[in-house]
N, C-alpha and C. Protein backbone atom coordinates (compact mmCIF):
# COMPACT_ATOMS: atom_id res chain seq x y z
N MET A 1 11.86 -79.28 39.73
CA MET A 1 12.50 -77.91 39.07
C MET A 1 11.48 -76.88 39.11
N PRO A 2 11.85 -75.53 39.30
CA PRO A 2 10.90 -74.69 39.50
C PRO A 2 10.88 -74.23 38.22
N SER A 3 9.94 -73.52 37.76
CA SER A 3 9.83 -72.88 36.36
C SER A 3 10.24 -71.41 36.40
N ALA A 4 10.73 -70.66 34.89
CA ALA A 4 10.97 -69.70 34.77
C ALA A 4 10.44 -68.58 35.55
N TYR A 5 8.74 -68.70 35.63
CA TYR A 5 7.96 -68.11 36.41
C TYR A 5 7.82 -68.04 37.58
N SER A 6 8.10 -68.92 38.36
CA SER A 6 8.08 -68.91 39.97
C SER A 6 8.65 -67.84 40.65
N PHE A 7 9.85 -67.65 39.86
CA PHE A 7 10.67 -66.19 40.59
C PHE A 7 9.57 -65.23 40.82
N TRP A 8 8.88 -64.98 39.65
CA TRP A 8 8.17 -63.64 39.31
C TRP A 8 6.83 -63.36 40.34
N VAL A 9 6.16 -64.60 40.77
CA VAL A 9 4.86 -64.90 41.12
C VAL A 9 5.05 -63.89 42.57
N GLY A 10 4.23 -63.01 42.60
CA GLY A 10 3.96 -61.93 43.62
C GLY A 10 4.60 -60.54 43.26
N GLN A 11 5.06 -60.59 42.23
CA GLN A 11 6.43 -59.39 42.12
C GLN A 11 4.89 -58.76 41.06
N ALA A 12 5.46 -56.97 40.97
CA ALA A 12 4.88 -56.23 40.07
C ALA A 12 6.21 -56.73 38.36
N VAL A 13 5.26 -56.88 37.35
CA VAL A 13 6.15 -57.17 36.49
C VAL A 13 5.65 -56.32 35.16
N ILE A 14 6.37 -56.32 33.88
CA ILE A 14 5.70 -55.97 32.48
C ILE A 14 6.13 -57.16 31.88
N LEU A 15 4.74 -57.92 31.28
CA LEU A 15 5.06 -59.06 30.24
C LEU A 15 4.94 -58.55 29.01
N GLN A 16 6.16 -58.80 28.40
CA GLN A 16 5.83 -58.39 26.58
C GLN A 16 5.12 -59.73 25.86
N VAL A 17 4.05 -59.26 25.57
CA VAL A 17 2.94 -60.68 24.98
C VAL A 17 2.94 -60.38 23.72
N ALA A 18 3.06 -61.78 22.64
CA ALA A 18 2.90 -61.53 21.25
C ALA A 18 1.47 -62.30 20.97
N ALA A 19 0.75 -61.98 20.04
CA ALA A 19 -0.35 -62.34 19.64
C ALA A 19 -0.20 -61.83 18.51
N GLU A 20 0.11 -62.91 16.88
CA GLU A 20 0.10 -63.17 15.46
C GLU A 20 1.33 -61.69 15.32
N ASP A 21 0.30 -61.00 14.84
CA ASP A 21 1.66 -59.49 14.35
C ASP A 21 1.71 -58.22 15.44
N ILE A 22 0.93 -58.95 16.52
CA ILE A 22 0.81 -57.71 17.71
C ILE A 22 1.73 -57.74 18.97
N ARG A 23 2.26 -57.04 19.41
CA ARG A 23 3.31 -57.20 20.53
C ARG A 23 2.86 -56.04 21.54
N VAL A 24 2.66 -56.48 22.93
CA VAL A 24 2.13 -55.51 23.59
C VAL A 24 2.95 -55.67 25.01
N PRO A 25 2.86 -54.80 25.83
CA PRO A 25 3.30 -54.64 27.25
C PRO A 25 2.36 -54.79 27.97
N LEU A 26 2.35 -55.67 28.97
CA LEU A 26 1.20 -55.83 29.88
C LEU A 26 1.95 -55.08 31.47
N ARG A 27 1.17 -54.56 32.33
CA ARG A 27 1.85 -54.18 33.63
C ARG A 27 0.56 -54.85 34.62
N GLY A 28 1.20 -55.80 35.57
CA GLY A 28 0.52 -56.21 36.61
C GLY A 28 1.26 -57.07 37.35
N VAL A 29 0.79 -58.35 37.96
CA VAL A 29 1.23 -59.15 38.81
C VAL A 29 1.08 -60.83 38.53
N ILE A 30 2.18 -61.48 38.33
CA ILE A 30 1.96 -62.90 38.25
C ILE A 30 1.67 -63.73 39.62
N VAL A 31 0.09 -63.97 39.42
CA VAL A 31 -0.17 -64.52 40.75
C VAL A 31 -0.14 -66.21 40.81
N GLY A 32 0.06 -66.70 39.39
CA GLY A 32 0.10 -68.36 39.48
C GLY A 32 0.37 -69.02 38.48
N GLU A 33 0.53 -69.83 37.96
CA GLU A 33 0.65 -70.67 36.64
C GLU A 33 0.34 -71.78 36.81
N SER A 34 0.04 -72.31 35.50
CA SER A 34 -0.62 -74.05 34.99
C SER A 34 1.11 -74.24 34.44
N GLU A 35 0.48 -75.36 34.08
CA GLU A 35 1.74 -76.09 32.56
C GLU A 35 1.72 -75.52 31.30
N SER A 36 0.55 -74.48 31.19
CA SER A 36 0.38 -74.09 29.87
C SER A 36 0.26 -72.57 29.88
N SER A 37 0.11 -71.88 30.89
CA SER A 37 -0.42 -70.88 31.13
C SER A 37 0.06 -69.85 32.69
N VAL A 38 0.11 -68.68 32.20
CA VAL A 38 0.13 -67.83 33.65
C VAL A 38 -1.03 -66.96 34.13
N ARG A 39 -1.15 -67.26 35.44
CA ARG A 39 -2.47 -66.37 35.87
C ARG A 39 -1.67 -64.81 36.35
N PHE A 40 -2.30 -63.87 35.46
CA PHE A 40 -1.91 -62.48 35.37
C PHE A 40 -2.74 -61.52 35.74
N ARG A 41 -2.76 -60.88 37.20
CA ARG A 41 -3.68 -59.84 37.50
C ARG A 41 -3.19 -58.32 36.82
N VAL A 42 -4.12 -57.68 36.25
CA VAL A 42 -3.98 -56.30 35.82
C VAL A 42 -5.33 -55.67 36.28
N GLY A 43 -4.80 -54.36 37.24
CA GLY A 43 -6.04 -53.83 37.79
C GLY A 43 -6.17 -54.71 39.10
N GLU A 44 -7.10 -54.02 39.72
CA GLU A 44 -7.60 -54.52 41.14
C GLU A 44 -8.52 -55.93 40.80
N GLY A 45 -8.37 -57.08 41.02
CA GLY A 45 -9.01 -58.27 41.15
C GLY A 45 -9.23 -58.79 39.84
N TRP A 46 -8.75 -58.43 38.55
CA TRP A 46 -9.28 -58.78 37.58
C TRP A 46 -7.87 -59.52 36.69
N ASP A 47 -7.99 -61.05 37.04
CA ASP A 47 -6.88 -62.01 36.68
C ASP A 47 -7.04 -62.52 35.07
N ILE A 48 -6.10 -62.44 34.26
CA ILE A 48 -6.40 -63.15 32.98
C ILE A 48 -5.27 -64.12 32.92
N GLU A 49 -5.68 -65.37 32.10
CA GLU A 49 -4.79 -66.56 31.98
C GLU A 49 -3.77 -65.82 30.46
N ILE A 50 -2.85 -66.00 30.83
CA ILE A 50 -1.92 -65.80 29.31
C ILE A 50 -1.13 -67.17 29.19
N PHE A 51 -1.37 -67.69 27.55
CA PHE A 51 -0.67 -68.90 27.51
C PHE A 51 1.00 -68.67 27.62
N LYS A 52 1.84 -69.37 27.83
CA LYS A 52 3.06 -69.25 28.43
C LYS A 52 3.98 -68.97 26.52
N HIS A 53 3.32 -69.76 25.75
CA HIS A 53 3.83 -69.25 24.48
C HIS A 53 3.82 -68.03 24.06
N MET A 54 3.00 -67.42 24.73
CA MET A 54 2.62 -65.77 24.08
C MET A 54 3.61 -65.09 24.56
N ILE A 55 4.33 -65.20 25.70
CA ILE A 55 5.00 -64.28 26.31
C ILE A 55 6.39 -64.52 26.02
N LEU A 56 7.16 -63.25 25.48
CA LEU A 56 8.46 -63.09 24.97
C LEU A 56 9.41 -62.59 26.02
N ALA A 57 8.84 -62.01 27.29
CA ALA A 57 10.05 -61.40 28.10
C ALA A 57 9.10 -60.92 29.46
N VAL A 58 9.67 -60.91 30.70
CA VAL A 58 9.34 -61.07 31.78
C VAL A 58 10.22 -59.82 32.38
N GLU A 59 9.89 -58.36 32.79
CA GLU A 59 10.84 -57.77 33.56
C GLU A 59 10.02 -57.20 34.63
N GLN A 60 11.20 -56.68 35.78
CA GLN A 60 10.60 -56.23 36.73
C GLN A 60 10.07 -54.86 36.66
N ASP A 61 8.76 -54.47 37.09
CA ASP A 61 8.16 -53.19 37.12
C ASP A 61 8.77 -51.98 38.38
N SER A 62 9.47 -51.40 37.64
CA SER A 62 10.58 -50.64 38.66
C SER A 62 9.30 -49.53 39.19
N ARG A 63 8.38 -49.33 38.57
CA ARG A 63 7.39 -47.96 39.10
C ARG A 63 6.51 -48.46 40.20
N VAL A 64 6.36 -49.75 40.22
CA VAL A 64 5.24 -50.26 41.27
C VAL A 64 5.97 -51.20 42.49
N SER A 65 5.85 -51.40 43.53
CA SER A 65 6.11 -52.47 44.76
C SER A 65 5.08 -52.75 44.79
N VAL A 66 4.60 -54.37 44.55
CA VAL A 66 3.05 -54.93 44.87
C VAL A 66 3.96 -56.16 45.66
N LEU A 67 3.29 -56.85 46.68
CA LEU A 67 3.38 -58.32 47.14
C LEU A 67 1.92 -58.75 47.02
N VAL A 68 2.02 -59.83 46.42
CA VAL A 68 0.55 -60.52 46.88
C VAL A 68 1.14 -62.11 47.39
N ASN A 69 -0.14 -62.16 48.39
CA ASN A 69 -0.17 -63.23 49.17
C ASN A 69 -0.83 -64.31 48.84
């Protein structure tokens, strides 16, 4: 069964992320995932791992059209 994030891999998105009392939108591309985290590319070649339990929402970034191979 595909995960909820597999649909978004390679697409420009905005992640709504929460850490304690802080909520921030992150603009970038989901480039992969593991069981507990999502690999997210912000900027050129800067990948970060975000724990899935910190992600509140994923939405398409309508300002950018990017495809990652």
